[in-house]
Amino acid sequence: MDWSHLSPDEAHRAEAIYRALRQGDDAKLRQLAELLATKPDDQLLGRTEFEVRDLVHQLGADAIQAAVNRRKKGDTKDRV
């Protein structure tokens, strides 16, 4: 992923958070893909939107937690 628009420290943090999310949220991403793959065209909106929103909110909460965890560990300067 291209982090060239970020400072070196920001790029490092972004990469570390991204890696943590890829490891921890694969099951949620698969659940999201399965949900969307199994809905007929006429059911993609409405209730399904709320189910998607809930999963995406969980992913967002996980992203925030990953960022907090990295900072708690003092992982702002070391390299991956």
PDB file of N, CA and C in Angstrom:
ATOM      1  N   MET A   1       0.844  -1.172   0.000  1.00  0.00           N
ATOM      2  CA  MET A   1       0.000   0.000   0.000  1.00  0.00           C
ATOM      3  C   MET A   1       0.890   1.236   0.000  1.00  0.00           C
ATOM      4  N   ASP A   2       0.458   2.246  -0.686  1.00  0.00           N
ATOM      5  CA  ASP A   2       1.257   3.464  -0.809  1.00  0.00           C
ATOM      6  C   ASP A   2       0.912   4.444   0.307  1.00  0.00           C
ATOM      7  N   TRP A   3       1.841   4.626   1.198  1.00  0.00           N
ATOM      8  CA  TRP A   3       1.663   5.571   2.306  1.00  0.00           C
ATOM      9  C   TRP A   3       2.521   6.813   2.084  1.00  0.00           C
ATOM     10  N   SER A   4       2.926   7.081   0.853  1.00  0.00           N
ATOM     11  CA  SER A   4       3.887   8.154   0.581  1.00  0.00           C
ATOM     12  C   SER A   4       3.380   9.542   0.960  1.00  0.00           C
ATOM     13  N   HIS A   5       2.091   9.707   1.076  1.00  0.00           N
ATOM     14  CA  HIS A   5       1.542  11.010   1.453  1.00  0.00           C
ATOM     15  C   HIS A   5       1.604  11.245   2.967  1.00  0.00           C
ATOM     16  N   LEU A   6       2.033  10.234   3.713  1.00  0.00           N
ATOM     17  CA  LEU A   6       2.147  10.341   5.168  1.00  0.00           C
ATOM     18  C   LEU A   6       3.599  10.540   5.569  1.00  0.00           C
ATOM     19  N   SER A   7       3.778  11.064   6.772  1.00  0.00           N
ATOM     20  CA  SER A   7       5.140  11.138   7.311  1.00  0.00           C
ATOM     21  C   SER A   7       5.619   9.703   7.563  1.00  0.00           C
ATOM     22  N   PRO A   8       6.926   9.490   7.706  1.00  0.00           N
ATOM     23  CA  PRO A   8       7.417   8.131   7.962  1.00  0.00           C
ATOM     24  C   PRO A   8       6.785   7.490   9.206  1.00  0.00           C
ATOM     25  N   ASP A   9       6.646   8.247  10.286  1.00  0.00           N
ATOM     26  CA  ASP A   9       6.030   7.689  11.491  1.00  0.00           C
ATOM     27  C   ASP A   9       4.555   7.363  11.271  1.00  0.00           C
ATOM     28  N   GLU A  10       3.845   8.241  10.582  1.00  0.00           N
ATOM     29  CA  GLU A  10       2.434   7.983  10.296  1.00  0.00           C
ATOM     30  C   GLU A  10       2.281   6.770   9.379  1.00  0.00           C
ATOM     31  N   ALA A  11       3.149   6.654   8.408  1.00  0.00           N
ATOM     32  CA  ALA A  11       3.109   5.513   7.492  1.00  0.00           C
ATOM     33  C   ALA A  11       3.353   4.215   8.249  1.00  0.00           C
ATOM     34  N   HIS A  12       4.288   4.237   9.162  1.00  0.00           N
ATOM     35  CA  HIS A  12       4.572   3.048   9.978  1.00  0.00           C
ATOM     36  C   HIS A  12       3.347   2.671  10.811  1.00  0.00           C
ATOM     37  N   ARG A  13       2.759   3.658  11.466  1.00  0.00           N
ATOM     38  CA  ARG A  13       1.563   3.385  12.277  1.00  0.00           C
ATOM     39  C   ARG A  13       0.427   2.859  11.412  1.00  0.00           C
ATOM     40  N   ALA A  14       0.205   3.484  10.264  1.00  0.00           N
ATOM     41  CA  ALA A  14      -0.865   3.045   9.370  1.00  0.00           C
ATOM     42  C   ALA A  14      -0.647   1.602   8.925  1.00  0.00           C
ATOM     43  N   GLU A  15       0.580   1.265   8.568  1.00  0.00           N
ATOM     44  CA  GLU A  15       0.886  -0.100   8.143  1.00  0.00           C
ATOM     45  C   GLU A  15       0.663  -1.095   9.279  1.00  0.00           C
ATOM     46  N   ALA A  16       1.074  -0.746  10.478  1.00  0.00           N
ATOM     47  CA  ALA A  16       0.890  -1.644  11.627  1.00  0.00           C
ATOM     48  C   ALA A  16      -0.590  -1.851  11.931  1.00  0.00           C
ATOM     49  N   ILE A  17      -1.373  -0.793  11.878  1.00  0.00           N
ATOM     50  CA  ILE A  17      -2.815  -0.910  12.119  1.00  0.00           C
ATOM     51  C   ILE A  17      -3.459  -1.748  11.020  1.00  0.00           C
ATOM     52  N   TYR A  18      -3.072  -1.487   9.776  1.00  0.00           N
ATOM     53  CA  TYR A  18      -3.595  -2.248   8.643  1.00  0.00           C
ATOM     54  C   TYR A  18      -3.320  -3.737   8.807  1.00  0.00           C
ATOM     55  N   ARG A  19      -2.087  -4.080   9.185  1.00  0.00           N
ATOM     56  CA  ARG A  19      -1.737  -5.491   9.382  1.00  0.00           C
ATOM     57  C   ARG A  19      -2.552  -6.117  10.515  1.00  0.00           C
ATOM     58  N   ALA A  20      -2.722  -5.383  11.597  1.00  0.00           N
ATOM     59  CA  ALA A  20      -3.515  -5.898  12.719  1.00  0.00           C
ATOM     60  C   ALA A  20      -4.959  -6.141  12.292  1.00  0.00           C
ATOM     61  N   LEU A  21      -5.502  -5.232  11.517  1.00  0.00           N
ATOM     62  CA  LEU A  21      -6.877  -5.397  11.051  1.00  0.00           C
ATOM     63  C   LEU A  21      -7.003  -6.583  10.100  1.00  0.00           C
ATOM     64  N   ARG A  22      -6.051  -6.745   9.215  1.00  0.00           N
ATOM     65  CA  ARG A  22      -6.118  -7.868   8.270  1.00  0.00           C
ATOM     66  C   ARG A  22      -6.069  -9.193   9.012  1.00  0.00           C
ATOM     67  N   GLN A  23      -5.279  -9.267  10.060  1.00  0.00           N
ATOM     68  CA  GLN A  23      -5.187 -10.512  10.819  1.00  0.00           C
ATOM     69  C   GLN A  23      -6.447 -10.755  11.639  1.00  0.00           C
ATOM     70  N   GLY A  24      -6.927  -9.712  12.301  1.00  0.00           N
ATOM     71  CA  GLY A  24      -8.026  -9.887  13.249  1.00  0.00           C
ATOM     72  C   GLY A  24      -9.411  -9.850  12.656  1.00  0.00           C
ATOM     73  N   ASP A  25      -9.587  -9.223  11.516  1.00  0.00           N
ATOM     74  CA  ASP A  25     -10.941  -9.022  11.015  1.00  0.00           C
ATOM     75  C   ASP A  25     -11.264  -9.818   9.760  1.00  0.00           C
ATOM     76  N   ASP A  26     -10.450 -10.798   9.438  1.00  0.00           N
ATOM     77  CA  ASP A  26     -10.726 -11.611   8.271  1.00  0.00           C
ATOM     78  C   ASP A  26     -12.094 -12.285   8.386  1.00  0.00           C
ATOM     79  N   ALA A  27     -12.440 -12.764   9.564  1.00  0.00           N
ATOM     80  CA  ALA A  27     -13.728 -13.431   9.756  1.00  0.00           C
ATOM     81  C   ALA A  27     -14.887 -12.463   9.498  1.00  0.00           C
ATOM     82  N   LYS A  28     -14.748 -11.221   9.950  1.00  0.00           N
ATOM     83  CA  LYS A  28     -15.818 -10.241   9.715  1.00  0.00           C
ATOM     84  C   LYS A  28     -15.927  -9.881   8.245  1.00  0.00           C
ATOM     85  N   LEU A  29     -14.790  -9.790   7.559  1.00  0.00           N
ATOM     86  CA  LEU A  29     -14.817  -9.505   6.129  1.00  0.00           C
ATOM     87  C   LEU A  29     -15.466 -10.654   5.362  1.00  0.00           C
ATOM     88  N   ARG A  30     -15.180 -11.867   5.755  1.00  0.00           N
ATOM     89  CA  ARG A  30     -15.815 -13.028   5.124  1.00  0.00           C
ATOM     90  C   ARG A  30     -17.317 -13.033   5.399  1.00  0.00           C
ATOM     91  N   GLN A  31     -17.701 -12.678   6.607  1.00  0.00           N
ATOM     92  CA  GLN A  31     -19.114 -12.610   6.963  1.00  0.00           C
ATOM     93  C   GLN A  31     -19.827 -11.555   6.107  1.00  0.00           C
ATOM     94  N   LEU A  32     -19.183 -10.419   5.911  1.00  0.00           N
ATOM     95  CA  LEU A  32     -19.742  -9.366   5.080  1.00  0.00           C
ATOM     96  C   LEU A  32     -19.890  -9.843   3.634  1.00  0.00           C
ATOM     97  N   ALA A  33     -18.855 -10.481   3.113  1.00  0.00           N
ATOM     98  CA  ALA A  33     -18.905 -10.997   1.744  1.00  0.00           C
ATOM     99  C   ALA A  33     -20.011 -12.044   1.592  1.00  0.00           C
ATOM    100  N   GLU A  34     -20.128 -12.925   2.565  1.00  0.00           N
ATOM    101  CA  GLU A  34     -21.162 -13.956   2.523  1.00  0.00           C
ATOM    102  C   GLU A  34     -22.552 -13.342   2.570  1.00  0.00           C
ATOM    103  N   LEU A  35     -22.726 -12.365   3.433  1.00  0.00           N
ATOM    104  CA  LEU A  35     -24.021 -11.691   3.550  1.00  0.00           C
ATOM    105  C   LEU A  35     -24.441 -11.115   2.199  1.00  0.00           C
ATOM    106  N   LEU A  36     -23.530 -10.385   1.573  1.00  0.00           N
ATOM    107  CA  LEU A  36     -23.861  -9.738   0.306  1.00  0.00           C
ATOM    108  C   LEU A  36     -24.012 -10.744  -0.838  1.00  0.00           C
ATOM    109  N   ALA A  37     -23.255 -11.816  -0.810  1.00  0.00           N
ATOM    110  CA  ALA A  37     -23.327 -12.815  -1.873  1.00  0.00           C
ATOM    111  C   ALA A  37     -24.614 -13.626  -1.828  1.00  0.00           C
ATOM    112  N   THR A  38     -25.201 -13.747  -0.648  1.00  0.00           N
ATOM    113  CA  THR A  38     -26.375 -14.602  -0.506  1.00  0.00           C
ATOM    114  C   THR A  38     -27.696 -13.849  -0.618  1.00  0.00           C
ATOM    115  N   LYS A  39     -27.642 -12.552  -0.741  1.00  0.00           N
ATOM    116  CA  LYS A  39     -28.877 -11.773  -0.851  1.00  0.00           C
ATOM    117  C   LYS A  39     -29.269 -11.608  -2.313  1.00  0.00           C
ATOM    118  N   PRO A  40     -30.531 -11.862  -2.637  1.00  0.00           N
ATOM    119  CA  PRO A  40     -30.983 -11.568  -3.999  1.00  0.00           C
ATOM    120  C   PRO A  40     -31.014 -10.056  -4.228  1.00  0.00           C
ATOM    121  N   ASP A  41     -31.030  -9.669  -5.493  1.00  0.00           N
ATOM    122  CA  ASP A  41     -30.988  -8.244  -5.839  1.00  0.00           C
ATOM    123  C   ASP A  41     -32.027  -7.419  -5.088  1.00  0.00           C
ATOM    124  N   ASP A  42     -33.224  -7.967  -4.946  1.00  0.00           N
ATOM    125  CA  ASP A  42     -34.294  -7.190  -4.317  1.00  0.00           C
ATOM    126  C   ASP A  42     -34.171  -7.104  -2.799  1.00  0.00           C
ATOM    127  N   GLN A  43     -33.132  -7.738  -2.220  1.00  0.00           N
ATOM    128  CA  GLN A  43     -32.926  -7.676  -0.772  1.00  0.00           C
ATOM    129  C   GLN A  43     -31.618  -6.994  -0.381  1.00  0.00           C
ATOM    130  N   LEU A  44     -30.925  -6.393  -1.354  1.00  0.00           N
ATOM    131  CA  LEU A  44     -29.660  -5.724  -1.028  1.00  0.00           C
ATOM    132  C   LEU A  44     -29.878  -4.436  -0.251  1.00  0.00           C
ATOM    133  N   LEU A  45     -31.015  -3.816  -0.403  1.00  0.00           N
ATOM    134  CA  LEU A  45     -31.312  -2.587   0.333  1.00  0.00           C
ATOM    135  C   LEU A  45     -32.254  -2.908   1.488  1.00  0.00           C
ATOM    136  N   GLY A  46     -32.454  -1.948   2.346  1.00  0.00           N
ATOM    137  CA  GLY A  46     -33.329  -2.148   3.503  1.00  0.00           C
ATOM    138  C   GLY A  46     -32.612  -2.852   4.635  1.00  0.00           C
ATOM    139  N   ARG A  47     -33.155  -3.976   5.057  1.00  0.00           N
ATOM    140  CA  ARG A  47     -32.612  -4.707   6.209  1.00  0.00           C
ATOM    141  C   ARG A  47     -31.136  -5.067   6.021  1.00  0.00           C
ATOM    142  N   THR A  48     -30.775  -5.476   4.808  1.00  0.00           N
ATOM    143  CA  THR A  48     -29.382  -5.842   4.544  1.00  0.00           C
ATOM    144  C   THR A  48     -28.444  -4.669   4.787  1.00  0.00           C
ATOM    145  N   GLU A  49     -28.885  -3.458   4.450  1.00  0.00           N
ATOM    146  CA  GLU A  49     -28.065  -2.271   4.693  1.00  0.00           C
ATOM    147  C   GLU A  49     -27.722  -2.138   6.171  1.00  0.00           C
ATOM    148  N   PHE A  50     -28.683  -2.443   7.026  1.00  0.00           N
ATOM    149  CA  PHE A  50     -28.439  -2.355   8.469  1.00  0.00           C
ATOM    150  C   PHE A  50     -27.476  -3.442   8.932  1.00  0.00           C
ATOM    151  N   GLU A  51     -27.595  -4.627   8.361  1.00  0.00           N
ATOM    152  CA  GLU A  51     -26.667  -5.697   8.701  1.00  0.00           C
ATOM    153  C   GLU A  51     -25.239  -5.329   8.262  1.00  0.00           C
ATOM    154  N   VAL A  52     -25.118  -4.771   7.060  1.00  0.00           N
ATOM    155  CA  VAL A  52     -23.812  -4.327   6.568  1.00  0.00           C
ATOM    156  C   VAL A  52     -23.269  -3.224   7.463  1.00  0.00           C
ATOM    157  N   ARG A  53     -24.119  -2.274   7.798  1.00  0.00           N
ATOM    158  CA  ARG A  53     -23.692  -1.159   8.652  1.00  0.00           C
ATOM    159  C   ARG A  53     -23.162  -1.676   9.986  1.00  0.00           C
ATOM    160  N   ASP A  54     -23.851  -2.638  10.582  1.00  0.00           N
ATOM    161  CA  ASP A  54     -23.404  -3.185  11.868  1.00  0.00           C
ATOM    162  C   ASP A  54     -22.022  -3.827  11.748  1.00  0.00           C
ATOM    163  N   LEU A  55     -21.799  -4.592  10.674  1.00  0.00           N
ATOM    164  CA  LEU A  55     -20.492  -5.212  10.485  1.00  0.00           C
ATOM    165  C   LEU A  55     -19.406  -4.163  10.252  1.00  0.00           C
ATOM    166  N   VAL A  56     -19.718  -3.142   9.476  1.00  0.00           N
ATOM    167  CA  VAL A  56     -18.735  -2.093   9.200  1.00  0.00           C
ATOM    168  C   VAL A  56     -18.438  -1.296  10.469  1.00  0.00           C
ATOM    169  N   HIS A  57     -19.441  -1.074  11.290  1.00  0.00           N
ATOM    170  CA  HIS A  57     -19.202  -0.394  12.573  1.00  0.00           C
ATOM    171  C   HIS A  57     -18.281  -1.228  13.459  1.00  0.00           C
ATOM    172  N   GLN A  58     -18.461  -2.544  13.440  1.00  0.00           N
ATOM    173  CA  GLN A  58     -17.573  -3.421  14.210  1.00  0.00           C
ATOM    174  C   GLN A  58     -16.141  -3.319  13.689  1.00  0.00           C
ATOM    175  N   LEU A  59     -15.994  -3.278  12.371  1.00  0.00           N
ATOM    176  CA  LEU A  59     -14.658  -3.121  11.781  1.00  0.00           C
ATOM    177  C   LEU A  59     -14.038  -1.790  12.198  1.00  0.00           C
ATOM    178  N   GLY A  60     -14.835  -0.729  12.198  1.00  0.00           N
ATOM    179  CA  GLY A  60     -14.343   0.582  12.619  1.00  0.00           C
ATOM    180  C   GLY A  60     -13.925   0.580  14.080  1.00  0.00           C
ATOM    181  N   ALA A  61     -14.716  -0.057  14.921  1.00  0.00           N
ATOM    182  CA  ALA A  61     -14.372  -0.151  16.339  1.00  0.00           C
ATOM    183  C   ALA A  61     -13.077  -0.943  16.520  1.00  0.00           C
ATOM    184  N   ASP A  62     -12.912  -1.994  15.730  1.00  0.00           N
ATOM    185  CA  ASP A  62     -11.674  -2.782  15.790  1.00  0.00           C
ATOM    186  C   ASP A  62     -10.477  -1.948  15.344  1.00  0.00           C
ATOM    187  N   ALA A  63     -10.677  -1.100  14.338  1.00  0.00           N
ATOM    188  CA  ALA A  63      -9.594  -0.232  13.861  1.00  0.00           C
ATOM    189  C   ALA A  63      -9.165   0.739  14.948  1.00  0.00           C
ATOM    190  N   ILE A  64     -10.124   1.338  15.616  1.00  0.00           N
ATOM    191  CA  ILE A  64      -9.804   2.263  16.706  1.00  0.00           C
ATOM    192  C   ILE A  64      -9.082   1.524  17.821  1.00  0.00           C
ATOM    193  N   GLN A  65      -9.558   0.328  18.158  1.00  0.00           N
ATOM    194  CA  GLN A  65      -8.912  -0.444  19.216  1.00  0.00           C
ATOM    195  C   GLN A  65      -7.490  -0.822  18.825  1.00  0.00           C
ATOM    196  N   ALA A  66      -7.276  -1.171  17.568  1.00  0.00           N
ATOM    197  CA  ALA A  66      -5.920  -1.503  17.105  1.00  0.00           C
ATOM    198  C   ALA A  66      -4.998  -0.295  17.251  1.00  0.00           C
ATOM    199  N   ALA A  67      -5.496   0.886  16.913  1.00  0.00           N
ATOM    200  CA  ALA A  67      -4.679   2.098  17.037  1.00  0.00           C
ATOM    201  C   ALA A  67      -4.350   2.377  18.500  1.00  0.00           C
ATOM    202  N   VAL A  68      -5.339   2.226  19.363  1.00  0.00           N
ATOM    203  CA  VAL A  68      -5.122   2.451  20.792  1.00  0.00           C
ATOM    204  C   VAL A  68      -4.105   1.442  21.329  1.00  0.00           C
ATOM    205  N   ASN A  69      -4.262   0.182  20.945  1.00  0.00           N
ATOM    206  CA  ASN A  69      -3.344  -0.854  21.430  1.00  0.00           C
ATOM    207  C   ASN A  69      -1.907  -0.581  20.995  1.00  0.00           C
ATOM    208  N   ARG A  70      -1.726  -0.152  19.747  1.00  0.00           N
ATOM    209  CA  ARG A  70      -0.377   0.148  19.259  1.00  0.00           C
ATOM    210  C   ARG A  70       0.244   1.274  20.077  1.00  0.00           C
ATOM    211  N   ARG A  71      -0.546   2.272  20.380  1.00  0.00           N
ATOM    212  CA  ARG A  71      -0.017   3.420  21.126  1.00  0.00           C
ATOM    213  C   ARG A  71       0.246   3.066  22.588  1.00  0.00           C
ATOM    214  N   LYS A  72      -0.602   2.228  23.164  1.00  0.00           N
ATOM    215  CA  LYS A  72      -0.388   1.806  24.550  1.00  0.00           C
ATOM    216  C   LYS A  72       0.920   1.052  24.685  1.00  0.00           C
ATOM    217  N   LYS A  73       1.257   0.293  23.646  1.00  0.00           N
ATOM    218  CA  LYS A  73       2.506  -0.470  23.670  1.00  0.00           C
ATOM    219  C   LYS A  73       3.700   0.424  23.387  1.00  0.00           C
ATOM    220  N   GLY A  74       3.448   1.698  23.115  1.00  0.00           N
ATOM    221  CA  GLY A  74       4.535   2.606  22.808  1.00  0.00           C
ATOM    222  C   GLY A  74       5.089   2.396  21.415  1.00  0.00           C
ATOM    223  N   ASP A  75       4.291   1.789  20.566  1.00  0.00           N
ATOM    224  CA  ASP A  75       4.742   1.435  19.214  1.00  0.00           C
ATOM    225  C   ASP A  75       4.481   2.579  18.247  1.00  0.00           C
ATOM    226  N   THR A  76       5.233   3.656  18.412  1.00  0.00           N
ATOM    227  CA  THR A  76       5.082   4.784  17.502  1.00  0.00           C
ATOM    228  C   THR A  76       6.345   5.027  16.699  1.00  0.00           C
ATOM    229  N   LYS A  77       7.447   4.461  17.110  1.00  0.00           N
ATOM    230  CA  LYS A  77       8.723   4.739  16.428  1.00  0.00           C
ATOM    231  C   LYS A  77       9.374   3.508  15.821  1.00  0.00           C
ATOM    232  N   ASP A  78       9.111   2.317  16.403  1.00  0.00           N
ATOM    233  CA  ASP A  78       9.805   1.127  15.895  1.00  0.00           C
ATOM    234  C   ASP A  78       9.298   0.748  14.514  1.00  0.00           C
ATOM    235  N   ARG A  79      10.065  -0.042  13.807  1.00  0.00           N
ATOM    236  CA  ARG A  79       9.756  -0.381  12.424  1.00  0.00           C
ATOM    237  C   ARG A  79       9.232  -1.815  12.336  1.00  0.00           C
ATOM    238  N   VAL A  80       8.309  -2.024  11.419  1.00  0.00           N
ATOM    239  CA  VAL A  80       7.721  -3.354  11.196  1.00  0.00           C
ATOM    240  C   VAL A  80       8.675  -4.203  10.405  1.00  0.00           C
TER     241      VAL A  80
END
